[in-house]
PDB file of N, CA and C in Angstrom:
ATOM      1  N   MET A   1     -85.600 214.094 282.418  1.00  0.00           N
ATOM      2  CA  MET A   1     -85.959 215.472 282.878  1.00  0.00           C
ATOM      3  C   MET A   1     -86.024 215.432 284.362  1.00  0.00           C
ATOM      4  N   ASN A   2     -85.320 216.433 284.999  1.00  0.00           N
ATOM      5  CA  ASN A   2     -85.339 216.566 286.475  1.00  0.00           C
ATOM      6  C   ASN A   2     -86.597 217.271 286.820  1.00  0.00           C
ATOM      7  N   SER A   3     -87.368 216.632 287.826  1.00  0.00           N
ATOM      8  CA  SER A   3     -88.671 217.271 288.194  1.00  0.00           C
ATOM      9  C   SER A   3     -88.484 218.536 288.902  1.00  0.00           C
ATOM     10  N   VAL A   4     -87.360 218.816 289.568  1.00  0.00           N
ATOM     11  CA  VAL A   4     -87.173 220.060 290.371  1.00  0.00           C
ATOM     12  C   VAL A   4     -86.711 221.179 289.459  1.00  0.00           C
ATOM     13  N   THR A   5     -85.746 220.966 288.616  1.00  0.00           N
ATOM     14  CA  THR A   5     -85.131 222.072 287.748  1.00  0.00           C
ATOM     15  C   THR A   5     -85.674 222.079 286.407  1.00  0.00           C
ATOM     16  N   ASN A   6     -86.379 221.024 285.943  1.00  0.00           N
ATOM     17  CA  ASN A   6     -86.829 220.902 284.554  1.00  0.00           C
ATOM     18  C   ASN A   6     -85.709 220.943 283.569  1.00  0.00           C
ATOM     19  N   SER A   7     -84.529 220.507 284.029  1.00  0.00           N
ATOM     20  CA  SER A   7     -83.380 220.406 283.064  1.00  0.00           C
ATOM     21  C   SER A   7     -83.191 218.918 282.679  1.00  0.00           C
ATOM     22  N   PRO A   8     -82.604 218.780 281.429  1.00  0.00           N
ATOM     23  CA  PRO A   8     -82.428 217.399 280.950  1.00  0.00           C
ATOM     24  C   PRO A   8     -81.384 216.682 281.810  1.00  0.00           C
ATOM     25  N   ASN A   9     -81.588 215.334 281.880  1.00  0.00           N
ATOM     26  CA  ASN A   9     -80.586 214.470 282.576  1.00  0.00           C
ATOM     27  C   ASN A   9     -79.358 214.388 281.703  1.00  0.00           C
ATOM     28  N   LYS A  10     -78.227 214.236 282.449  1.00  0.00           N
ATOM     29  CA  LYS A  10     -76.923 214.096 281.788  1.00  0.00           C
ATOM     30  C   LYS A  10     -76.417 212.691 282.063  1.00  0.00           C
ATOM     31  N   THR A  11     -75.704 212.088 281.105  1.00  0.00           N
ATOM     32  CA  THR A  11     -75.157 210.762 281.301  1.00  0.00           C
ATOM     33  C   THR A  11     -73.682 210.811 281.058  1.00  0.00           C
ATOM     34  N   TYR A  12     -72.978 210.106 281.961  1.00  0.00           N
ATOM     35  CA  TYR A  12     -71.534 209.930 281.883  1.00  0.00           C
ATOM     36  C   TYR A  12     -71.163 208.476 282.062  1.00  0.00           C
ATOM     37  N   SER A  13     -69.984 208.150 281.542  1.00  0.00           N
ATOM     38  CA  SER A  13     -69.466 206.797 281.785  1.00  0.00           C
ATOM     39  C   SER A  13     -68.072 206.865 282.477  1.00  0.00           C
ATOM     40  N   THR A  14     -67.861 205.891 283.333  1.00  0.00           N
ATOM     41  CA  THR A  14     -66.476 205.828 283.937  1.00  0.00           C
ATOM     42  C   THR A  14     -66.368 204.374 284.389  1.00  0.00           C
ATOM     43  N   SER A  15     -65.276 204.106 285.059  1.00  0.00           N
ATOM     44  CA  SER A  15     -65.095 202.697 285.514  1.00  0.00           C
ATOM     45  C   SER A  15     -64.713 202.835 286.959  1.00  0.00           C
ATOM     46  N   VAL A  16     -64.814 201.590 287.592  1.00  0.00           N
ATOM     47  CA  VAL A  16     -64.471 201.469 288.994  1.00  0.00           C
ATOM     48  C   VAL A  16     -63.763 200.117 289.069  1.00  0.00           C
ATOM     49  N   PRO A  17     -62.647 200.036 289.876  1.00  0.00           N
ATOM     50  CA  PRO A  17     -61.929 198.719 290.026  1.00  0.00           C
ATOM     51  C   PRO A  17     -62.876 197.742 290.838  1.00  0.00           C
ATOM     52  N   PHE A  18     -62.615 196.501 290.698  1.00  0.00           N
ATOM     53  CA  PHE A  18     -63.306 195.528 291.471  1.00  0.00           C
ATOM     54  C   PHE A  18     -63.344 195.851 292.933  1.00  0.00           C
ATOM     55  N   ARG A  19     -64.535 195.916 293.539  1.00  0.00           N
ATOM     56  CA  ARG A  19     -64.769 196.225 294.953  1.00  0.00           C
ATOM     57  C   ARG A  19     -64.407 197.655 295.216  1.00  0.00           C
ATOM     58  N   GLY A  20     -64.253 198.581 294.228  1.00  0.00           N
ATOM     59  CA  GLY A  20     -64.012 199.954 294.436  1.00  0.00           C
ATOM     60  C   GLY A  20     -65.293 200.710 294.818  1.00  0.00           C
ATOM     61  N   ILE A  21     -65.163 201.768 295.589  1.00  0.00           N
ATOM     62  CA  ILE A  21     -66.364 202.543 296.079  1.00  0.00           C
ATOM     63  C   ILE A  21     -66.758 203.614 295.036  1.00  0.00           C
ATOM     64  N   LEU A  22     -67.974 204.010 295.192  1.00  0.00           N
ATOM     65  CA  LEU A  22     -68.575 204.937 294.165  1.00  0.00           C
ATOM     66  C   LEU A  22     -67.790 206.260 294.167  1.00  0.00           C
ATOM     67  N   VAL A  23     -67.476 206.797 295.384  1.00  0.00           N
ATOM     68  CA  VAL A  23     -66.866 208.128 295.444  1.00  0.00           C
ATOM     69  C   VAL A  23     -65.571 208.112 294.674  1.00  0.00           C
ATOM     70  N   GLY A  24     -64.849 207.007 294.595  1.00  0.00           N
ATOM     71  CA  GLY A  24     -63.674 206.831 293.801  1.00  0.00           C
ATOM     72  C   GLY A  24     -63.919 206.929 292.333  1.00  0.00           C
ATOM     73  N   ALA A  25     -64.993 206.314 291.928  1.00  0.00           N
ATOM     74  CA  ALA A  25     -65.395 206.381 290.470  1.00  0.00           C
ATOM     75  C   ALA A  25     -65.858 207.810 290.151  1.00  0.00           C
ATOM     76  N   MET A  26     -66.517 208.558 291.031  1.00  0.00           N
ATOM     77  CA  MET A  26     -66.891 209.909 290.887  1.00  0.00           C
ATOM     78  C   MET A  26     -65.679 210.798 290.720  1.00  0.00           C
ATOM     79  N   ARG A  27     -64.667 210.614 291.536  1.00  0.00           N
ATOM     80  CA  ARG A  27     -63.432 211.354 291.422  1.00  0.00           C
ATOM     81  C   ARG A  27     -62.741 211.126 290.158  1.00  0.00           C
ATOM     82  N   ARG A  28     -62.672 209.893 289.676  1.00  0.00           N
ATOM     83  CA  ARG A  28     -62.100 209.513 288.392  1.00  0.00           C
ATOM     84  C   ARG A  28     -62.777 210.252 287.314  1.00  0.00           C
ATOM     85  N   LEU A  29     -64.155 210.266 287.302  1.00  0.00           N
ATOM     86  CA  LEU A  29     -64.855 210.898 286.294  1.00  0.00           C
ATOM     87  C   LEU A  29     -64.698 212.444 286.375  1.00  0.00           C
ATOM     88  N   GLN A  30     -64.614 213.007 287.470  1.00  0.00           N
ATOM     89  CA  GLN A  30     -64.389 214.461 287.644  1.00  0.00           C
ATOM     90  C   GLN A  30     -63.021 214.810 287.002  1.00  0.00           C
ATOM     91  N   ASN A  31     -62.053 214.003 287.250  1.00  0.00           N
ATOM     92  CA  ASN A  31     -60.661 214.300 286.817  1.00  0.00           C
ATOM     93  C   ASN A  31     -60.512 213.986 285.306  1.00  0.00           C
ATOM     94  N   SER A  32     -61.455 213.355 284.678  1.00  0.00           N
ATOM     95  CA  SER A  32     -61.345 212.866 283.323  1.00  0.00           C
ATOM     96  C   SER A  32     -61.596 214.008 282.305  1.00  0.00           C
ATOM     97  N   GLY A  33     -62.009 215.145 282.663  1.00  0.00           N
ATOM     98  CA  GLY A  33     -62.356 216.224 281.728  1.00  0.00           C
ATOM     99  C   GLY A  33     -63.670 216.075 280.996  1.00  0.00           C
ATOM    100  N   ALA A  34     -64.544 215.174 281.509  1.00  0.00           N
ATOM    101  CA  ALA A  34     -65.839 214.918 280.842  1.00  0.00           C
ATOM    102  C   ALA A  34     -66.942 215.978 281.223  1.00  0.00           C
ATOM    103  N   GLY A  35     -66.547 216.917 282.069  1.00  0.00           N
ATOM    104  CA  GLY A  35     -67.504 217.976 282.440  1.00  0.00           C
ATOM    105  C   GLY A  35     -68.315 217.631 283.684  1.00  0.00           C
ATOM    106  N   PHE A  36     -68.011 216.556 284.339  1.00  0.00           N
ATOM    107  CA  PHE A  36     -68.732 216.288 285.590  1.00  0.00           C
ATOM    108  C   PHE A  36     -68.013 216.678 286.830  1.00  0.00           C
ATOM    109  N   THR A  37     -68.731 217.399 287.690  1.00  0.00           N
ATOM    110  CA  THR A  37     -68.132 217.975 288.936  1.00  0.00           C
ATOM    111  C   THR A  37     -69.095 217.594 290.029  1.00  0.00           C
ATOM    112  N   PHE A  38     -68.469 217.458 291.262  1.00  0.00           N
ATOM    113  CA  PHE A  38     -69.239 217.249 292.334  1.00  0.00           C
ATOM    114  C   PHE A  38     -68.482 217.762 293.634  1.00  0.00           C
ATOM    115  N   LYS A  39     -69.267 218.013 294.712  1.00  0.00           N
ATOM    116  CA  LYS A  39     -68.709 218.391 296.004  1.00  0.00           C
ATOM    117  C   LYS A  39     -69.439 217.678 297.045  1.00  0.00           C
ATOM    118  N   TYR A  40     -68.737 217.419 298.143  1.00  0.00           N
ATOM    119  CA  TYR A  40     -69.335 216.786 299.312  1.00  0.00           C
ATOM    120  C   TYR A  40     -68.718 217.297 300.574  1.00  0.00           C
ATOM    121  N   ILE A  41     -69.441 217.069 301.716  1.00  0.00           N
ATOM    122  CA  ILE A  41     -68.948 217.419 302.970  1.00  0.00           C
ATOM    123  C   ILE A  41     -68.699 216.002 303.646  1.00  0.00           C
ATOM    124  N   GLU A  42     -67.765 216.058 304.594  1.00  0.00           N
ATOM    125  CA  GLU A  42     -67.444 214.755 305.306  1.00  0.00           C
ATOM    126  C   GLU A  42     -68.053 214.897 306.690  1.00  0.00           C
ATOM    127  N   ASN A  43     -68.982 213.929 306.901  1.00  0.00           N
ATOM    128  CA  ASN A  43     -69.660 213.870 308.200  1.00  0.00           C
ATOM    129  C   ASN A  43     -68.899 212.839 308.961  1.00  0.00           C
ATOM    130  N   GLN A  44     -68.420 213.151 310.166  1.00  0.00           N
ATOM    131  CA  GLN A  44     -67.598 212.284 310.934  1.00  0.00           C
ATOM    132  C   GLN A  44     -68.294 210.958 311.388  1.00  0.00           C
ATOM    133  N   ASN A  45     -69.612 210.949 311.383  1.00  0.00           N
ATOM    134  CA  ASN A  45     -70.311 209.734 311.808  1.00  0.00           C
ATOM    135  C   ASN A  45     -70.748 208.895 310.544  1.00  0.00           C
ATOM    136  N   TYR A  46     -71.042 209.634 309.448  1.00  0.00           N
ATOM    137  CA  TYR A  46     -71.735 208.889 308.310  1.00  0.00           C
ATOM    138  C   TYR A  46     -70.965 208.965 307.070  1.00  0.00           C
ATOM    139  N   GLY A  47     -69.782 209.688 306.999  1.00  0.00           N
ATOM    140  CA  GLY A  47     -69.039 209.661 305.779  1.00  0.00           C
ATOM    141  C   GLY A  47     -69.446 210.799 304.842  1.00  0.00           C
ATOM    142  N   PRO A  48     -69.050 210.688 303.582  1.00  0.00           N
ATOM    143  CA  PRO A  48     -69.299 211.762 302.608  1.00  0.00           C
ATOM    144  C   PRO A  48     -70.784 212.012 302.358  1.00  0.00           C
ATOM    145  N   TYR A  49     -71.208 213.268 302.359  1.00  0.00           N
ATOM    146  CA  TYR A  49     -72.520 213.717 302.062  1.00  0.00           C
ATOM    147  C   TYR A  49     -72.566 214.569 300.792  1.00  0.00           C
ATOM    148  N   LEU A  50     -73.133 214.111 299.719  1.00  0.00           N
ATOM    149  CA  LEU A  50     -73.098 214.805 298.472  1.00  0.00           C
ATOM    150  C   LEU A  50     -73.887 216.123 298.537  1.00  0.00           C
ATOM    151  N   THR A  51     -73.231 217.212 298.269  1.00  0.00           N
ATOM    152  CA  THR A  51     -73.880 218.536 298.397  1.00  0.00           C
ATOM    153  C   THR A  51     -74.100 219.318 297.035  1.00  0.00           C
ATOM    154  N   SER A  52     -73.283 218.908 295.996  1.00  0.00           N
ATOM    155  CA  SER A  52     -73.449 219.552 294.716  1.00  0.00           C
ATOM    156  C   SER A  52     -72.979 218.663 293.556  1.00  0.00           C
ATOM    157  N   VAL A  53     -73.709 218.709 292.469  1.00  0.00           N
ATOM    158  CA  VAL A  53     -73.331 218.003 291.223  1.00  0.00           C
ATOM    159  C   VAL A  53     -73.423 218.987 290.062  1.00  0.00           C
ATOM    160  N   ASN A  54     -72.402 219.167 289.349  1.00  0.00           N
ATOM    161  CA  ASN A  54     -72.336 220.040 288.188  1.00  0.00           C
ATOM    162  C   ASN A  54     -72.809 221.413 288.504  1.00  0.00           C
ATOM    163  N   GLY A  55     -72.412 221.899 289.725  1.00  0.00           N
ATOM    164  CA  GLY A  55     -72.699 223.239 290.111  1.00  0.00           C
ATOM    165  C   GLY A  55     -74.044 223.424 290.741  1.00  0.00           C
ATOM    166  N   LEU A  56     -74.910 222.397 290.777  1.00  0.00           N
ATOM    167  CA  LEU A  56     -76.212 222.469 291.302  1.00  0.00           C
ATOM    168  C   LEU A  56     -76.187 222.017 292.740  1.00  0.00           C
ATOM    169  N   ALA A  57     -76.341 222.949 293.733  1.00  0.00           N
ATOM    170  CA  ALA A  57     -76.167 222.578 295.179  1.00  0.00           C
ATOM    171  C   ALA A  57     -77.481 222.271 295.805  1.00  0.00           C
ATOM    172  N   ALA A  58     -77.396 221.355 296.725  1.00  0.00           N
ATOM    173  CA  ALA A  58     -78.532 221.044 297.607  1.00  0.00           C
ATOM    174  C   ALA A  58     -78.730 222.301 298.514  1.00  0.00           C
ATOM    175  N   CYS A  59     -79.941 222.423 299.027  1.00  0.00           N
ATOM    176  CA  CYS A  59     -80.299 223.696 299.733  1.00  0.00           C
ATOM    177  C   CYS A  59     -81.404 223.343 300.833  1.00  0.00           C
ATOM    178  N   THR A  60     -81.020 223.550 302.088  1.00  0.00           N
ATOM    179  CA  THR A  60     -81.874 223.225 303.136  1.00  0.00           C
ATOM    180  C   THR A  60     -83.127 224.136 303.140  1.00  0.00           C
ATOM    181  N   THR A  61     -82.988 225.420 302.828  1.00  0.00           N
ATOM    182  CA  THR A  61     -84.140 226.316 302.800  1.00  0.00           C
ATOM    183  C   THR A  61     -85.136 225.938 301.666  1.00  0.00           C
ATOM    184  N   GLN A  62     -84.674 225.403 300.614  1.00  0.00           N
ATOM    185  CA  GLN A  62     -85.490 224.981 299.487  1.00  0.00           C
ATOM    186  C   GLN A  62     -85.852 223.504 299.584  1.00  0.00           C
ATOM    187  N   ARG A  63     -85.259 222.808 300.639  1.00  0.00           N
ATOM    188  CA  ARG A  63     -85.536 221.420 300.905  1.00  0.00           C
ATOM    189  C   ARG A  63     -85.162 220.501 299.791  1.00  0.00           C
ATOM    190  N   THR A  64     -84.042 220.841 299.150  1.00  0.00           N
ATOM    191  CA  THR A  64     -83.471 220.037 298.074  1.00  0.00           C
ATOM    192  C   THR A  64     -82.259 219.254 298.477  1.00  0.00           C
ATOM    193  N   TYR A  65     -82.038 218.103 297.861  1.00  0.00           N
ATOM    194  CA  TYR A  65     -80.822 217.298 298.158  1.00  0.00           C
ATOM    195  C   TYR A  65     -80.579 216.324 296.948  1.00  0.00           C
ATOM    196  N   TRP A  66     -79.428 215.770 296.958  1.00  0.00           N
ATOM    197  CA  TRP A  66     -79.023 214.787 295.931  1.00  0.00           C
ATOM    198  C   TRP A  66     -79.240 213.340 296.457  1.00  0.00           C
ATOM    199  N   GLU A  67     -80.161 212.687 295.830  1.00  0.00           N
ATOM    200  CA  GLU A  67     -80.556 211.387 296.185  1.00  0.00           C
ATOM    201  C   GLU A  67     -79.734 210.378 295.414  1.00  0.00           C
ATOM    202  N   LEU A  68     -79.182 209.297 296.003  1.00  0.00           N
ATOM    203  CA  LEU A  68     -78.434 208.257 295.257  1.00  0.00           C
ATOM    204  C   LEU A  68     -79.425 207.100 295.031  1.00  0.00           C
ATOM    205  N   LEU A  69     -79.544 206.814 293.714  1.00  0.00           N
ATOM    206  CA  LEU A  69     -80.313 205.698 293.289  1.00  0.00           C
ATOM    207  C   LEU A  69     -79.470 204.819 292.400  1.00  0.00           C
ATOM    208  N   VAL A  70     -79.782 203.552 292.319  1.00  0.00           N
ATOM    209  CA  VAL A  70     -79.011 202.651 291.448  1.00  0.00           C
ATOM    210  C   VAL A  70     -80.012 201.830 290.687  1.00  0.00           C
ATOM    211  N   ASN A  71     -79.824 201.837 289.273  1.00  0.00           N
ATOM    212  CA  ASN A  71     -80.587 201.027 288.360  1.00  0.00           C
ATOM    213  C   ASN A  71     -79.815 199.739 288.230  1.00  0.00           C
ATOM    214  N   LYS A  72     -80.307 198.626 288.775  1.00  0.00           N
ATOM    215  CA  LYS A  72     -79.668 197.346 288.864  1.00  0.00           C
ATOM    216  C   LYS A  72     -79.636 196.748 287.456  1.00  0.00           C
ATOM    217  N   ALA A  73     -78.776 195.714 287.208  1.00  0.00           N
ATOM    218  CA  ALA A  73     -78.718 195.194 285.842  1.00  0.00           C
ATOM    219  C   ALA A  73     -80.068 194.644 285.410  1.00  0.00           C
ATOM    220  N   GLY A  74     -80.939 194.189 286.235  1.00  0.00           N
ATOM    221  CA  GLY A  74     -82.261 193.664 285.755  1.00  0.00           C
ATOM    222  C   GLY A  74     -83.286 194.714 285.561  1.00  0.00           C
ATOM    223  N   GLY A  75     -82.910 196.007 285.821  1.00  0.00           N
ATOM    224  CA  GLY A  75     -83.896 197.073 285.551  1.00  0.00           C
ATOM    225  C   GLY A  75     -84.563 197.593 286.907  1.00  0.00           C
ATOM    226  N   GLN A  76     -84.345 196.974 287.993  1.00  0.00           N
ATOM    227  CA  GLN A  76     -84.913 197.453 289.246  1.00  0.00           C
ATOM    228  C   GLN A  76     -84.136 198.649 289.798  1.00  0.00           C
ATOM    229  N   VAL A  77     -84.783 199.734 290.132  1.00  0.00           N
ATOM    230  CA  VAL A  77     -84.169 200.866 290.680  1.00  0.00           C
ATOM    231  C   VAL A  77     -84.286 200.781 292.227  1.00  0.00           C
ATOM    232  N   ILE A  78     -83.144 200.984 292.899  1.00  0.00           N
ATOM    233  CA  ILE A  78     -83.105 200.848 294.357  1.00  0.00           C
ATOM    234  C   ILE A  78     -82.541 202.106 294.956  1.00  0.00           C
ATOM    235  N   ARG A  79     -82.761 202.284 296.231  1.00  0.00           N
ATOM    236  CA  ARG A  79     -82.145 203.377 297.008  1.00  0.00           C
ATOM    237  C   ARG A  79     -81.260 202.651 298.005  1.00  0.00           C
ATOM    238  N   PRO A  80     -79.863 202.687 297.813  1.00  0.00           N
ATOM    239  CA  PRO A  80     -79.035 201.926 298.659  1.00  0.00           C
ATOM    240  C   PRO A  80     -79.066 202.414 300.089  1.00  0.00           C
ATOM    241  N   ASP A  81     -78.717 201.537 301.021  1.00  0.00           N
ATOM    242  CA  ASP A  81     -78.768 201.894 302.370  1.00  0.00           C
ATOM    243  C   ASP A  81     -77.393 202.512 302.855  1.00  0.00           C
ATOM    244  N   VAL A  82     -76.593 202.850 301.881  1.00  0.00           N
ATOM    245  CA  VAL A  82     -75.316 203.527 302.188  1.00  0.00           C
ATOM    246  C   VAL A  82     -75.128 204.572 301.173  1.00  0.00           C
ATOM    247  N   GLY A  83     -74.193 205.435 301.416  1.00  0.00           N
ATOM    248  CA  GLY A  83     -73.951 206.624 300.519  1.00  0.00           C
ATOM    249  C   GLY A  83     -72.820 206.342 299.567  1.00  0.00           C
ATOM    250  N   ILE A  84     -72.396 207.554 298.944  1.00  0.00           N
ATOM    251  CA  ILE A  84     -71.296 207.410 297.932  1.00  0.00           C
ATOM    252  C   ILE A  84     -69.894 206.909 298.478  1.00  0.00           C
ATOM    253  N   GLY A  85     -69.719 207.082 299.772  1.00  0.00           N
ATOM    254  CA  GLY A  85     -68.458 206.667 300.391  1.00  0.00           C
ATOM    255  C   GLY A  85     -68.387 205.086 300.687  1.00  0.00           C
ATOM    256  N   CYS A  86     -69.480 204.513 300.667  1.00  0.00           N
ATOM    257  CA  CYS A  86     -69.487 203.062 300.956  1.00  0.00           C
ATOM    258  C   CYS A  86     -70.169 202.157 299.809  1.00  0.00           C
ATOM    259  N   TYR A  87     -70.927 202.792 298.933  1.00  0.00           N
ATOM    260  CA  TYR A  87     -71.611 202.025 297.854  1.00  0.00           C
ATOM    261  C   TYR A  87     -70.517 201.452 296.957  1.00  0.00           C
ATOM    262  N   ILE A  88     -70.617 200.104 296.663  1.00  0.00           N
ATOM    263  CA  ILE A  88     -69.720 199.432 295.729  1.00  0.00           C
ATOM    264  C   ILE A  88     -70.515 199.054 294.459  1.00  0.00           C
ATOM    265  N   PRO A  89     -70.276 199.825 293.437  1.00  0.00           N
ATOM    266  CA  PRO A  89     -70.976 199.523 292.155  1.00  0.00           C
ATOM    267  C   PRO A  89     -70.588 198.131 291.560  1.00  0.00           C
ATOM    268  N   MET A  90     -71.563 197.519 291.046  1.00  0.00           N
ATOM    269  CA  MET A  90     -71.438 196.239 290.335  1.00  0.00           C
ATOM    270  C   MET A  90     -71.479 196.448 288.835  1.00  0.00           C
ATOM    271  N   ALA A  91     -70.981 195.448 288.146  1.00  0.00           N
ATOM    272  CA  ALA A  91     -71.009 195.539 286.585  1.00  0.00           C
ATOM    273  C   ALA A  91     -72.477 195.737 286.130  1.00  0.00           C
ATOM    274  N   ASN A  92     -72.588 196.568 285.107  1.00  0.00           N
ATOM    275  CA  ASN A  92     -73.818 196.900 284.407  1.00  0.00           C
ATOM    276  C   ASN A  92     -74.842 197.595 285.248  1.00  0.00           C
ATOM    277  N   GLU A  93     -74.504 198.241 286.342  1.00  0.00           N
ATOM    278  CA  GLU A  93     -75.322 199.108 287.098  1.00  0.00           C
ATOM    279  C   GLU A  93     -75.253 200.568 286.592  1.00  0.00           C
ATOM    280  N   GLU A  94     -76.313 201.306 286.742  1.00  0.00           N
ATOM    281  CA  GLU A  94     -76.383 202.684 286.293  1.00  0.00           C
ATOM    282  C   GLU A  94     -76.639 203.419 287.659  1.00  0.00           C
ATOM    283  N   ILE A  95     -75.678 204.344 287.976  1.00  0.00           N
ATOM    284  CA  ILE A  95     -75.843 205.177 289.157  1.00  0.00           C
ATOM    285  C   ILE A  95     -76.611 206.426 288.814  1.00  0.00           C
ATOM    286  N   ILE A  96     -77.561 206.736 289.592  1.00  0.00           N
ATOM    287  CA  ILE A  96     -78.454 207.906 289.323  1.00  0.00           C
ATOM    288  C   ILE A  96     -78.293 208.877 290.436  1.00  0.00           C
ATOM    289  N   LEU A  97     -77.811 210.061 290.125  1.00  0.00           N
ATOM    290  CA  LEU A  97     -77.759 211.114 291.152  1.00  0.00           C
ATOM    291  C   LEU A  97     -78.983 212.025 290.866  1.00  0.00           C
ATOM    292  N   ASN A  98     -79.950 211.867 291.733  1.00  0.00           N
ATOM    293  CA  ASN A  98     -81.304 212.522 291.424  1.00  0.00           C
ATOM    294  C   ASN A  98     -81.477 213.775 292.363  1.00  0.00           C
ATOM    295  N   PHE A  99     -81.528 215.008 291.791  1.00  0.00           N
ATOM    296  CA  PHE A  99     -81.808 216.173 292.553  1.00  0.00           C
ATOM    297  C   PHE A  99     -83.266 216.223 292.866  1.00  0.00           C
ATOM    298  N   THR A 100     -83.606 216.200 294.089  1.00  0.00           N
ATOM    299  CA  THR A 100     -85.047 216.179 294.489  1.00  0.00           C
ATOM    300  C   THR A 100     -85.289 216.940 295.825  1.00  0.00           C
ATOM    301  N   THR A 101     -86.515 216.881 296.185  1.00  0.00           N
ATOM    302  CA  THR A 101     -86.989 217.561 297.431  1.00  0.00           C
ATOM    303  C   THR A 101     -87.350 216.653 298.516  1.00  0.00           C
ATOM    304  N   TYR A 102     -87.437 217.187 299.748  1.00  0.00           N
ATOM    305  CA  TYR A 102     -87.899 216.356 300.875  1.00  0.00           C
ATOM    306  C   TYR A 102     -88.916 217.069 301.623  1.00  0.00           C
TER     307      TYR A 102
END
């Protein structure tokens, strides 16, 4: 359950080639017809910045954003120090796109 919207979490499955980046896997999932959509803006200094997932957009006035978390194979949840344009998913990781506030 999302703490901001009180909506249930959604789970999707996709693949990424060896050493492929997360945004590529997200594009593959979006094009698969599974009902997953996302939007991002390109920051010239920092790369893609996730702005919307499944129609739910981040909002500066409401102080909301999409946080990237990763549930590692051993169960440890981390916040990567890179975003969707640079993160390289590993086998058996779960990517969590968490809509939250700041």
